[in-house]
Protein backbone atom coordinates (compact mmCIF):
# COMPACT_ATOMS: atom_id res chain seq x y z
CA MET A 1 168.21 84.41 63.38
CA THR A 2 166.10 87.41 62.17
CA ARG A 3 167.14 90.69 63.54
CA THR A 4 163.82 91.74 65.30
CA PHE A 5 160.94 90.48 67.27
CA ALA A 6 158.61 91.48 64.33
CA GLU A 7 161.05 90.43 61.42
CA ALA A 8 160.38 87.13 63.37
CA ARG A 9 156.41 87.60 63.81
CA SER A 10 156.35 88.13 60.08
CA ALA A 11 158.36 85.42 59.25
CA ALA A 12 155.97 82.62 59.51
CA ALA A 13 157.39 79.75 57.87
CA THR A 14 160.06 79.83 60.44
CA SER A 15 159.20 77.92 63.56
CA VAL A 16 160.00 78.91 67.13
CA THR A 17 161.67 75.96 67.50
CA THR A 18 163.98 76.99 64.68
CA THR A 19 164.52 80.35 66.18
CA VAL A 20 164.94 78.89 69.26
CA GLU A 21 168.09 76.56 67.77
CA THR A 22 169.51 79.31 65.95
CA ALA A 23 169.55 81.47 69.02
CA LEU A 24 171.32 78.61 70.74
CA GLN A 25 174.07 78.13 68.03
CA ARG A 26 175.06 81.99 67.64
CA ALA A 27 175.68 81.75 71.60
CA GLU A 28 177.75 79.15 71.52
CA ALA A 29 179.68 80.03 68.60
CA HIS A 30 180.23 83.53 70.59
CA GLN A 31 181.47 81.91 73.87
CA ASP A 32 184.48 83.95 73.73
CA LEU A 33 182.75 87.09 74.40
CA ASN A 34 181.91 85.75 77.59
CA ALA A 35 177.84 86.83 77.55
CA PHE A 36 176.17 83.84 79.02
CA LEU A 37 176.84 82.12 82.28
CA GLU A 38 174.47 79.41 81.40
CA LEU A 39 172.21 78.55 78.22
CA PHE A 40 168.93 76.67 79.12
CA HIS A 41 168.87 74.17 76.39
CA ARG A 42 166.39 72.11 77.86
CA SER A 43 163.94 74.41 78.79
CA ALA A 44 164.38 76.72 76.27
CA ARG A 45 163.69 73.80 73.61
CA GLU A 46 160.25 73.00 75.44
CA GLN A 47 159.39 76.17 75.79
CA ALA A 48 159.57 76.64 72.06
CA ALA A 49 158.17 73.37 71.53
CA ARG A 50 155.10 74.55 73.33
CA VAL A 51 154.84 78.04 71.54
CA ASP A 52 155.05 76.16 68.20
CA ALA A 53 152.00 73.98 69.25
CA ARG A 54 149.83 77.29 70.64
CA MET A 55 150.90 79.06 67.22
CA LYS A 56 149.29 76.08 65.45
CA ALA A 57 146.16 75.60 67.24
CA GLY A 58 145.98 80.01 66.56
CA ASP A 59 146.00 81.40 70.41
CA ALA A 60 149.71 81.94 70.69
CA GLY A 61 150.27 85.04 73.30
CA PRO A 62 151.73 88.36 72.02
CA LEU A 63 155.26 87.34 72.48
CA ALA A 64 155.18 84.26 70.56
CA GLY A 65 158.57 83.67 68.85
CA LEU A 66 160.42 86.12 70.93
CA VAL A 67 163.87 84.87 71.83
CA LEU A 68 164.80 86.35 75.26
CA SER A 69 167.96 86.25 77.46
CA ILE A 70 167.43 87.16 81.34
CA LYS A 71 170.38 89.19 83.41
CA ASP A 72 171.93 86.98 86.12
CA ASN A 73 170.19 88.95 89.10
CA ILE A 74 166.62 87.61 87.66
CA CYS A 75 165.08 84.25 89.24
CA TYR A 76 163.69 81.95 86.75
CA LYS A 77 162.53 78.72 89.02
CA ASP A 78 164.37 75.62 89.08
CA HIS A 79 167.27 77.66 86.91
CA LYS A 80 170.63 79.03 88.33
CA VAL A 81 170.68 82.51 89.51
CA GLY A 82 174.05 84.13 91.32
CA ALA A 83 174.21 87.95 90.24
CA ALA A 84 177.68 86.76 88.91
CA SER A 85 179.47 86.28 92.46
CA ARG A 86 180.91 83.39 94.08
CA ILE A 87 178.92 83.79 96.96
CA LEU A 88 175.62 82.28 95.50
CA GLU A 89 177.52 80.03 93.06
CA GLY A 90 175.31 76.54 92.47
CA PHE A 91 172.13 78.48 94.05
CA THR A 92 168.78 77.48 91.94
CA SER A 93 165.72 79.68 92.27
CA LEU A 94 162.85 78.27 94.06
CA TYR A 95 160.62 80.48 92.23
CA SER A 96 160.59 82.91 89.57
CA ALA A 97 160.23 86.66 89.12
CA THR A 98 157.02 88.35 88.15
CA VAL A 99 158.34 89.67 85.06
CA VAL A 100 159.64 86.11 84.27
CA GLU A 101 156.26 84.48 84.60
CA ARG A 102 154.29 87.60 82.51
CA LEU A 103 156.82 86.80 79.71
CA LEU A 104 156.38 83.32 79.89
CA ALA A 105 153.09 83.38 79.88
CA ALA A 106 153.02 85.55 76.62
CA ASP A 107 155.01 83.12 75.18
CA ALA A 108 158.42 83.98 75.20
CA VAL A 109 161.61 81.90 75.31
CA ILE A 110 164.50 82.58 77.07
CA ILE A 111 167.17 81.01 76.70
CA GLY A 112 170.14 81.65 79.08
CA ARG A 113 171.56 83.77 82.06
CA THR A 114 173.72 86.71 81.11
CA ASN A 115 176.88 87.89 82.58
CA CYS A 116 177.26 90.93 84.81
CA ASP A 117 178.76 93.13 87.31
CA GLU A 118 179.00 91.24 90.38
CA PHE A 119 175.25 92.20 92.26
CA ALA A 120 174.94 94.79 89.53
CA MET A 121 177.74 97.07 90.55
CA GLY A 122 179.79 98.60 87.98
CA SER A 123 179.93 99.97 85.09
CA SER A 124 181.97 98.34 83.11
CA ASN A 125 181.42 94.54 83.78
CA GLU A 126 185.03 94.53 84.69
CA ASN A 127 183.52 93.55 88.29
CA SER A 128 181.79 89.74 87.31
CA ALA A 129 183.58 86.79 89.68
CA PHE A 130 183.35 84.52 85.87
CA GLY A 131 185.13 86.93 84.11
CA ASN A 132 184.98 90.27 81.96
CA VAL A 133 182.03 90.52 79.11
CA LEU A 134 183.34 91.80 75.54
CA ASN A 135 182.22 94.03 73.15
CA PRO A 136 181.07 92.76 70.44
CA LEU A 137 181.65 95.68 68.37
CA ASP A 138 185.32 95.81 69.69
CA LYS A 139 186.89 93.11 71.86
CA THR A 140 189.06 95.61 73.53
CA LYS A 141 186.44 97.88 74.75
CA VAL A 142 183.69 97.02 77.80
CA PRO A 143 180.20 96.73 76.77
CA GLY A 144 179.07 98.66 79.80
CA GLY A 145 178.09 97.84 82.76
CA SER A 146 176.53 96.31 84.93
CA SER A 147 174.06 94.97 82.71
CA GLY A 148 177.12 94.07 80.16
CA GLY A 149 175.89 90.62 79.11
CA ALA A 150 172.48 91.07 78.67
CA ALA A 151 173.37 94.63 75.91
CA THR A 152 176.29 91.93 74.61
CA SER A 153 173.50 89.52 73.87
CA VAL A 154 171.26 91.94 71.84
CA ALA A 155 174.22 93.39 70.03
CA ALA A 156 176.17 90.20 69.25
CA ASP A 157 172.54 89.32 67.37
CA ILE A 158 171.75 86.37 69.71
CA VAL A 159 168.56 87.61 71.13
CA HIS A 160 165.81 89.64 69.73
CA VAL A 161 165.29 91.31 73.53
CA ALA A 162 167.24 90.97 76.92
CA LEU A 163 166.34 91.95 80.46
CA GLY A 164 168.91 93.76 82.69
CA SER A 165 168.09 95.75 85.68
CA ASP A 166 169.12 99.49 86.09
CA THR A 167 170.04 100.92 89.58
CA GLY A 168 171.96 104.00 88.37
CA GLY A 169 171.73 103.69 84.36
CA SER A 170 173.27 99.76 84.37
CA ILE A 171 170.73 99.26 81.37
CA ARG A 172 171.22 102.99 79.56
CA GLN A 173 174.80 103.15 79.52
CA PRO A 174 175.46 99.68 78.15
CA ALA A 175 173.17 100.20 75.55
CA SER A 176 175.07 103.40 74.66
CA PHE A 177 178.35 101.47 74.64
CA THR A 178 176.64 98.69 72.24
CA GLY A 179 174.67 100.58 69.79
CA THR A 180 171.28 99.19 70.95
CA VAL A 181 168.38 100.68 72.68
CA GLY A 182 168.22 100.77 76.51
CA PHE A 183 164.68 101.46 78.36
CA LYS A 184 164.28 101.75 82.04
CA PRO A 185 160.36 102.23 82.81
CA THR A 186 159.40 104.35 85.86
CA TYR A 187 160.45 103.37 89.72
CA GLY A 188 157.32 100.75 90.43
CA ARG A 189 155.62 100.37 87.04
CA VAL A 190 157.26 97.06 86.59
CA SER A 191 157.55 94.22 89.51
CA ARG A 192 160.84 94.08 91.11
CA TYR A 193 159.62 90.71 92.92
CA GLY A 194 162.63 88.18 92.01
CA LEU A 195 165.01 90.54 91.53
CA ILE A 196 168.36 89.80 93.32
CA ALA A 197 168.30 93.17 95.26
CA PHE A 198 170.81 96.00 95.24
CA ALA A 199 169.37 99.52 96.03
CA SER A 200 165.75 98.48 96.71
CA SER A 201 164.49 102.56 96.05
CA PHE A 202 166.46 102.43 92.49
CA ASP A 203 166.13 99.20 91.28
CA GLN A 204 164.09 98.51 88.30
CA ILE A 205 164.07 95.63 85.34
CA GLY A 206 163.98 96.60 81.84
CA PRO A 207 164.40 95.57 78.40
CA PHE A 208 167.37 95.74 75.40
CA ALA A 209 166.61 95.94 72.01
CA HIS A 210 167.54 96.21 68.95
CA ASN A 211 164.58 98.91 68.15
CA VAL A 212 162.22 100.57 70.59
CA ALA A 213 159.07 98.40 69.07
CA ASP A 214 160.90 95.38 70.66
CA ALA A 215 161.33 96.85 74.04
CA ALA A 216 157.64 98.50 73.70
CA ALA A 217 156.19 95.09 73.07
CA VAL A 218 157.99 93.37 76.36
CA TYR A 219 157.32 96.45 78.29
CA ASN A 220 153.73 96.13 77.40
CA VAL A 221 153.56 92.24 78.73
CA MET A 222 155.49 93.63 82.05
CA ALA A 223 154.32 96.22 83.27
CA GLY A 224 151.33 96.47 86.02
CA HIS A 225 150.61 95.93 89.85
CA ASP A 226 151.72 93.06 91.22
CA GLN A 227 150.72 91.92 94.64
CA LYS A 228 154.16 90.25 95.38
CA ASP A 229 156.06 93.77 95.14
CA SER A 230 154.53 96.26 97.44
CA THR A 231 155.94 99.33 95.66
CA THR A 232 154.12 98.75 91.85
CA SER A 233 151.87 101.51 91.09
CA ARG A 234 148.36 100.73 90.54
CA LYS A 235 148.00 103.39 88.51
CA PRO A 236 146.55 101.60 84.93
CA VAL A 237 148.86 100.60 82.20
CA GLU A 238 148.42 102.02 78.92
CA ASN A 239 149.90 100.25 75.88
CA ALA A 240 152.72 101.20 74.13
CA THR A 241 151.47 101.79 70.57
CA LEU A 242 153.72 104.36 69.15
CA GLN A 243 151.98 106.28 67.28
CA HIS A 244 153.08 109.61 66.50
CA PRO A 245 153.00 111.89 69.85
CA GLY A 246 152.98 115.60 67.50
CA LYS A 247 154.86 118.29 68.90
CA LEU A 248 156.59 118.11 71.82
CA ARG A 249 157.88 120.53 74.52
CA ILE A 250 161.73 119.56 75.19
CA ALA A 251 164.40 120.55 77.32
CA TYR A 252 167.61 119.75 77.03
CA TYR A 253 170.49 120.46 79.88
CA ARG A 254 172.74 122.77 79.09
CA GLU A 255 175.38 120.38 81.01
CA GLY A 256 175.14 118.40 78.25
CA LEU A 257 177.02 120.42 75.62
CA GLU A 258 179.14 122.76 78.01
CA ARG A 259 180.60 120.17 80.55
CA ALA A 260 184.19 119.44 80.40
CA GLY A 261 185.00 116.33 79.62
CA MET A 262 182.46 115.49 77.34
CA ASP A 263 183.30 114.25 73.95
CA PRO A 264 183.50 116.90 71.57
CA GLU A 265 181.69 114.40 68.89
CA VAL A 266 179.20 113.79 71.38
CA VAL A 267 177.78 117.17 71.96
CA ALA A 268 178.31 118.05 68.28
CA HIS A 269 175.80 114.89 67.72
CA LEU A 270 173.31 116.23 70.64
CA GLN A 271 173.24 120.21 69.16
CA ALA A 272 172.67 118.56 65.38
CA HIS A 273 169.88 116.50 67.10
CA ILE A 274 168.65 120.13 68.74
CA ASP A 275 168.92 121.50 65.71
CA ARG A 276 166.83 119.32 63.76
CA LEU A 277 164.38 119.06 66.22
CA LYS A 278 163.81 122.79 65.95
CA ALA A 279 163.38 122.51 62.40
CA GLU A 280 160.58 120.42 62.78
CA GLY A 281 158.26 122.44 64.79
CA HIS A 282 159.26 120.93 68.24
CA THR A 283 159.83 123.54 70.62
CA VAL A 284 163.35 123.13 72.41
CA GLU A 285 164.71 125.03 74.90
CA PRO A 286 167.57 124.37 77.37
CA ILE A 287 167.73 124.26 81.30
CA SER A 288 170.08 122.81 84.03
CA VAL A 289 170.45 119.98 85.55
CA PRO A 290 169.34 120.25 89.17
CA LEU A 291 172.45 119.54 91.62
CA LEU A 292 174.62 118.37 88.66
CA ASP A 293 178.18 117.66 90.44
CA HIS A 294 175.92 116.24 93.91
CA GLN A 295 173.70 113.39 91.94
CA VAL A 296 176.51 110.91 91.63
CA PRO A 297 177.68 111.41 95.50
CA THR A 298 174.33 111.59 96.43
CA TYR A 299 172.97 107.85 94.70
CA TYR A 300 176.58 106.64 95.67
CA ILE A 301 175.78 106.96 99.35
CA LEU A 302 171.79 105.57 99.07
CA ALA A 303 172.33 103.00 97.15
CA THR A 304 175.50 101.56 99.05
CA ALA A 305 173.18 102.33 102.18
CA GLU A 306 170.77 100.53 100.54
CA ALA A 307 173.33 97.42 99.44
CA SER A 308 174.71 97.21 103.09
CA SER A 309 171.31 96.22 104.59
CA ASN A 310 170.15 94.28 101.26
CA LEU A 311 173.32 92.03 101.00
CA ALA A 312 173.52 91.27 104.80
CA ARG A 313 171.23 88.23 104.24
CA PHE A 314 174.30 86.31 102.11
CA ASP A 315 175.87 85.10 105.16
CA GLY A 316 177.15 81.50 104.64
CA ILE A 317 174.58 80.06 106.91
CA ARG A 318 171.26 79.75 105.26
CA TYR A 319 172.46 79.60 101.51
CA GLY A 320 175.03 80.22 99.12
CA HIS A 321 179.13 79.98 99.43
CA ARG A 322 179.97 78.23 103.11
CA SER A 323 183.93 78.98 104.13
CA LYS A 324 185.47 75.56 104.72
CA ASN A 325 188.51 77.17 106.89
CA ALA A 326 185.75 78.68 109.26
CA LYS A 327 185.19 77.71 112.77
CA GLY A 328 182.34 79.22 114.96
CA VAL A 329 179.77 80.98 113.71
CA ASP A 330 181.46 84.49 113.60
CA GLU A 331 184.36 83.27 111.46
CA THR A 332 181.61 81.56 109.35
CA TYR A 333 180.21 85.14 108.63
CA ARG A 334 183.64 86.62 108.26
CA LEU A 335 185.25 84.63 106.14
CA SER A 336 182.03 83.19 103.97
CA ARG A 337 181.38 87.17 103.01
CA THR A 338 185.00 87.53 102.30
CA GLU A 339 185.71 84.78 100.09
CA GLY A 340 182.15 85.27 98.53
CA PHE A 341 182.30 89.14 97.47
CA GLY A 342 184.61 90.70 95.15
CA PRO A 343 186.43 94.04 95.67
CA GLU A 344 183.75 96.05 94.08
CA VAL A 345 181.04 94.71 96.40
CA LYS A 346 183.25 95.01 99.71
CA ARG A 347 184.05 98.38 98.89
CA ARG A 348 180.20 99.44 98.63
CA ILE A 349 178.97 97.15 101.82
CA LEU A 350 181.71 98.69 103.29
CA LEU A 351 180.54 102.28 102.12
CA GLY A 352 177.18 102.04 103.14
CA THR A 353 177.84 100.39 106.32
CA PHE A 354 179.94 103.69 107.06
CA VAL A 355 177.19 106.21 106.10
CA LEU A 356 174.50 104.52 108.27
CA SER A 357 176.59 104.18 111.30
CA ALA A 358 176.32 105.93 114.50
CA GLY A 359 177.49 109.51 114.37
CA TYR A 360 177.43 109.71 110.77
CA TYR A 361 173.64 108.76 109.80
CA ASP A 362 172.66 112.21 109.98
CA ALA A 363 175.60 113.82 108.27
CA TYR A 364 175.54 111.42 105.16
CA TYR A 365 172.62 109.04 104.54
CA GLY A 366 170.07 111.83 105.81
CA GLN A 367 171.84 114.66 104.15
CA ALA A 368 171.50 112.86 100.85
CA GLN A 369 167.81 111.72 101.04
CA ARG A 370 167.02 115.47 101.74
CA VAL A 371 169.40 116.36 98.05
CA ARG A 372 167.61 113.43 96.63
CA ARG A 373 164.13 114.90 97.49
CA ILE A 374 165.23 118.46 95.54
CA ILE A 375 166.73 116.31 93.12
CA ARG A 376 163.16 114.69 92.75
CA ASP A 377 161.04 118.18 92.95
CA HIS A 378 163.58 119.95 90.35
CA THR A 379 163.20 117.01 87.63
CA LEU A 380 159.22 117.19 88.26
CA ALA A 381 159.06 120.97 88.36
CA ALA A 382 160.64 120.80 84.76
CA PHE A 383 157.96 118.46 83.59
CA GLU A 384 155.48 120.99 84.24
CA ASN A 385 156.59 123.15 81.09
CA TYR A 386 158.13 120.05 79.12
CA ASP A 387 157.57 116.91 77.98
CA LEU A 388 160.82 115.04 77.76
CA ILE A 389 164.76 116.10 78.26
CA LEU A 390 166.90 115.41 76.26
CA SER A 391 170.85 114.49 77.75
CA PRO A 392 173.71 112.51 75.99
CA THR A 393 173.60 109.12 77.99
CA CYS A 394 177.17 109.12 78.69
CA PRO A 395 180.20 111.63 78.61
CA GLY A 396 181.62 109.07 75.70
CA THR A 397 182.12 105.97 73.69
CA ALA A 398 183.20 102.15 75.28
CA PHE A 399 186.46 102.31 76.73
CA GLY A 400 188.98 99.80 76.97
CA HIS A 401 189.26 97.25 79.40
CA GLY A 402 191.50 98.05 82.76
CA GLU A 403 191.47 101.73 81.54
CA ILE A 404 189.47 103.03 84.40
CA SER A 405 191.15 101.62 87.26
CA ASP A 406 189.81 104.87 89.76
CA PRO A 407 186.53 104.02 91.46
CA VAL A 408 185.42 107.62 91.11
CA ALA A 409 186.03 107.62 87.56
CA MET A 410 184.07 105.05 86.95
CA TYR A 411 181.24 106.46 89.11
CA LEU A 412 181.47 109.12 87.09
CA GLN A 413 180.33 107.25 84.03
CA ASP A 414 177.15 107.38 85.38
CA ILE A 415 176.47 111.47 85.63
CA PHE A 416 173.85 111.98 83.25
CA THR A 417 172.27 108.16 84.16
CA VAL A 418 171.62 108.24 87.59
CA GLN A 419 169.09 111.29 87.90
CA ALA A 420 166.20 109.17 86.52
CA ASN A 421 167.09 106.77 89.19
CA LEU A 422 167.34 109.57 91.97
CA ALA A 423 163.83 111.10 90.38
CA GLY A 424 162.17 107.65 89.72
CA VAL A 425 161.30 108.72 86.27
CA PRO A 426 161.59 106.92 82.66
CA ALA A 427 164.37 106.99 80.70
CA ILE A 428 165.65 105.34 77.60
CA SER A 429 168.81 105.35 75.64
CA LEU A 430 168.69 105.42 71.66
CA PRO A 431 171.34 104.55 69.72
CA THR A 432 171.71 107.43 67.32
CA GLY A 433 175.32 108.12 67.20
CA LYS A 434 178.66 106.80 65.61
CA HIS A 435 181.78 107.90 66.43
CA SER A 436 185.18 108.91 64.49
CA ASN A 437 186.20 105.52 66.52
CA GLY A 438 183.76 103.52 65.04
CA MET A 439 181.94 103.06 68.32
CA PRO A 440 178.61 103.98 68.73
CA PHE A 441 176.95 105.87 71.42
CA GLY A 442 173.30 106.64 72.59
CA VAL A 443 171.43 110.13 73.59
CA GLN A 444 168.90 109.74 76.46
CA LEU A 445 165.37 110.93 76.50
CA THR A 446 163.62 111.19 80.10
CA GLY A 447 160.35 110.97 80.70
CA LYS A 448 157.30 111.84 83.35
CA PRO A 449 156.47 109.55 85.67
CA PHE A 450 154.56 106.85 84.38
CA ASP A 451 154.68 108.79 81.04
CA GLU A 452 156.39 105.49 79.12
CA VAL A 453 154.08 105.95 76.08
CA ARG A 454 154.82 109.24 75.25
CA LEU A 455 158.30 108.53 75.82
CA LEU A 456 158.30 105.59 73.51
CA ALA A 457 156.68 106.90 71.07
CA ALA A 458 158.96 109.92 70.93
CA SER A 459 161.77 107.25 70.66
CA ALA A 460 160.35 105.81 67.61
CA GLU A 461 158.75 108.18 65.73
CA VAL A 462 160.73 111.20 66.42
CA PHE A 463 163.95 109.67 66.92
CA GLY A 464 163.69 106.86 64.15
CA CYS A 465 164.51 103.84 66.51
């Protein structure tokens, strides 16, 4: 298939049906990557035929010709959705997420649901109940998580764009590991209606793409207030047209260059960008990350607390897995959840329940909320003087399957990405680096709240993505 949506639109001789068939064939040819949990052959072909007819009639939508995958925690009416968990195995959604409705209305075609860490909990895509996803650039490496299947579906040239969800870096980290663009909009800019919740005050849907233009095209369709999601903003949405933003004031984090454990090649790459930006006339100055060593603990206290609450609904009574060995109500709850949830989900539910329990609520959850407010205030204060913040996306490149077994070490993969979720600001990972080990890595740009237009324009025009 053509590599980008822009190329697909310009290839007028290629029908959407042909493009979709090619995508389905490529997905089947790359089954070993385990990127897809299911391909939607029938509905994808039906949608492609409708789009072809609309294009012939001259009234096709702005995304006509775009082939898309969706993460397995985004609902699509009459299609299965399961958050890569046994507890929801076989469940068919009764409605579509708002983002799905908007993309279909714009004539995109969804070809399947992608594998992910169970309930979006993980940084390696090794926590799925249906097996690991492989990095298409090196199958011995992880693709990152939790949206690893989505990232892989783009990196393997199966789809133009993939939808993922980002709670603490679950779009940007896999993007860095797979050499793709990964974009998390401002919290409240894109509806979460129809997204299976992990942590409701952090979760945000966003796109993976080969380039910023494709990500922006999808963002322009998805963004905006949704009456079904009270957390969406009513601020007007300005289309991201990717016009050159002019000279920028850019801050960079000292810790991105100085912190122990950083890959030297990532540091050198970031320094090269700083030098280039200064030479081009942009103002580039160092600042410190607010409470860097407290960000990951703060995030995991709050996110697990919200997960404990959100996942209480999966009880084996109303829908999803129900234990065949249970006798009575108490055993049904206990055994269904024990059998249905994987180890990482159980770990986070237990941690979240603990920090919310009597006697510990103020010491952990309450204190973490206060620290989150300080982090957000510091982040917004930086944007009083700067347009963007530059940092590494991750400390290094993709690691091997099973290489990180300690949960704390795995959580620290998010050290540069969680701030955007704690503060609710937009951020993007750009595939600008290539390591001597052959693997890609990204740099991260963070923007002001609801300033996606400048963030995307700088990504495309200043960073050449």
